Amino acid sequence: MLNYIIEKESHGNAYAENGPYKGIGQLYYTYYDKYVGLTWEQCIGNYDIQLQAMLAYIASRYGTIQGAYNHKVSYGWY
């Protein structure tokens, strides 16, 4: 499920950017500071840190990866 979200959001590209949405999970750029205490500039290209931020975002917003997956499948975004 997590791999599905990552594939749909960024194809696993740790350098992916779409306006203010960045990284493997296409998180809003300020969420990196919120969830891992680093700026986007410090996270560019670092898959592991981006994954940590993504998992923290999912836990905060959806509770579980399943919840995020269900939302992604239903609405096309998470």
Protein backbone atom coordinates (compact mmCIF):
# COMPACT_ATOMS: atom_id res chain seq x y z
CA MET A 1 0.00 0.00 0.00
CA LEU A 2 2.76 2.45 0.87
CA ASN A 3 4.62 1.55 -2.31
CA TYR A 4 1.42 2.20 -4.28
CA ILE A 5 1.16 5.72 -2.83
CA ILE A 6 4.83 6.46 -3.48
CA GLU A 7 4.63 5.14 -7.04
CA LYS A 8 1.55 7.23 -7.83
CA GLU A 9 2.95 10.38 -6.18
CA SER A 10 6.58 10.43 -7.37
CA HIS A 11 7.58 7.10 -8.94
CA GLY A 12 10.02 6.89 -6.01
CA ASN A 13 11.96 9.96 -7.15
CA ALA A 14 13.52 11.60 -4.08
CA TYR A 15 14.09 14.75 -6.18
CA ALA A 16 10.49 15.05 -7.40
CA GLU A 17 8.91 18.49 -7.16
CA ASN A 18 5.48 19.70 -8.22
CA GLY A 19 5.16 23.32 -7.13
CA PRO A 20 5.15 23.32 -3.32
CA TYR A 21 4.81 19.52 -3.15
CA LYS A 22 8.11 17.71 -2.80
CA GLY A 23 9.77 14.32 -2.57
CA ILE A 24 8.62 10.73 -2.68
CA GLY A 25 5.36 11.45 -0.90
CA GLN A 26 4.80 14.84 -2.54
CA LEU A 27 4.42 16.48 0.86
CA TYR A 28 3.90 20.21 1.15
CA TYR A 29 7.44 21.53 1.57
CA THR A 30 6.91 22.87 5.13
CA TYR A 31 5.88 19.41 6.33
CA TYR A 32 9.50 18.27 6.30
CA ASP A 33 10.27 20.74 9.08
CA LYS A 34 7.07 19.80 10.91
CA TYR A 35 7.63 16.04 10.77
CA VAL A 36 11.41 15.54 10.72
CA GLY A 37 12.80 18.93 11.78
CA LEU A 38 14.58 19.58 8.48
CA THR A 39 13.97 21.94 5.59
CA TRP A 40 13.12 20.59 2.17
CA GLU A 41 16.57 21.67 1.02
CA GLN A 42 18.07 19.35 3.65
CA CYS A 43 15.86 16.48 2.50
CA ILE A 44 16.35 16.69 -1.27
CA GLY A 45 17.50 13.34 -2.58
CA ASN A 46 17.34 11.61 0.82
CA TYR A 47 14.80 8.82 0.39
CA ASP A 48 15.03 7.62 4.00
CA ILE A 49 14.34 11.02 5.57
CA GLN A 50 11.53 11.68 3.11
CA LEU A 51 10.04 8.32 4.03
CA GLN A 52 10.19 9.24 7.73
CA ALA A 53 8.38 12.51 7.01
CA MET A 54 5.80 10.74 4.87
CA LEU A 55 5.10 8.12 7.53
CA ALA A 56 4.74 10.81 10.22
CA TYR A 57 2.33 12.74 7.96
CA ILE A 58 0.28 9.62 7.29
CA ALA A 59 0.12 8.78 11.02
CA SER A 60 -0.96 12.33 11.83
CA ARG A 61 -3.58 12.69 9.10
CA TYR A 62 -4.88 9.15 8.49
CA GLY A 63 -3.69 7.11 11.45
CA THR A 64 -2.53 4.21 9.29
CA ILE A 65 -1.05 3.48 5.90
CA GLN A 66 -4.30 1.66 5.10
CA GLY A 67 -6.23 4.87 5.81
CA ALA A 68 -3.96 6.88 3.52
CA TYR A 69 -4.20 4.20 0.83
CA ASN A 70 -8.00 4.13 1.03
CA HIS A 71 -8.13 7.92 0.66
CA LYS A 72 -5.69 7.86 -2.27
CA VAL A 73 -7.72 5.21 -4.08
CA SER A 74 -11.02 7.01 -3.41
CA TYR A 75 -9.96 10.59 -4.16
CA GLY A 76 -6.73 10.36 -6.14
CA TRP A 77 -4.72 12.19 -3.47
CA TYR A 78 -3.83 11.65 0.16
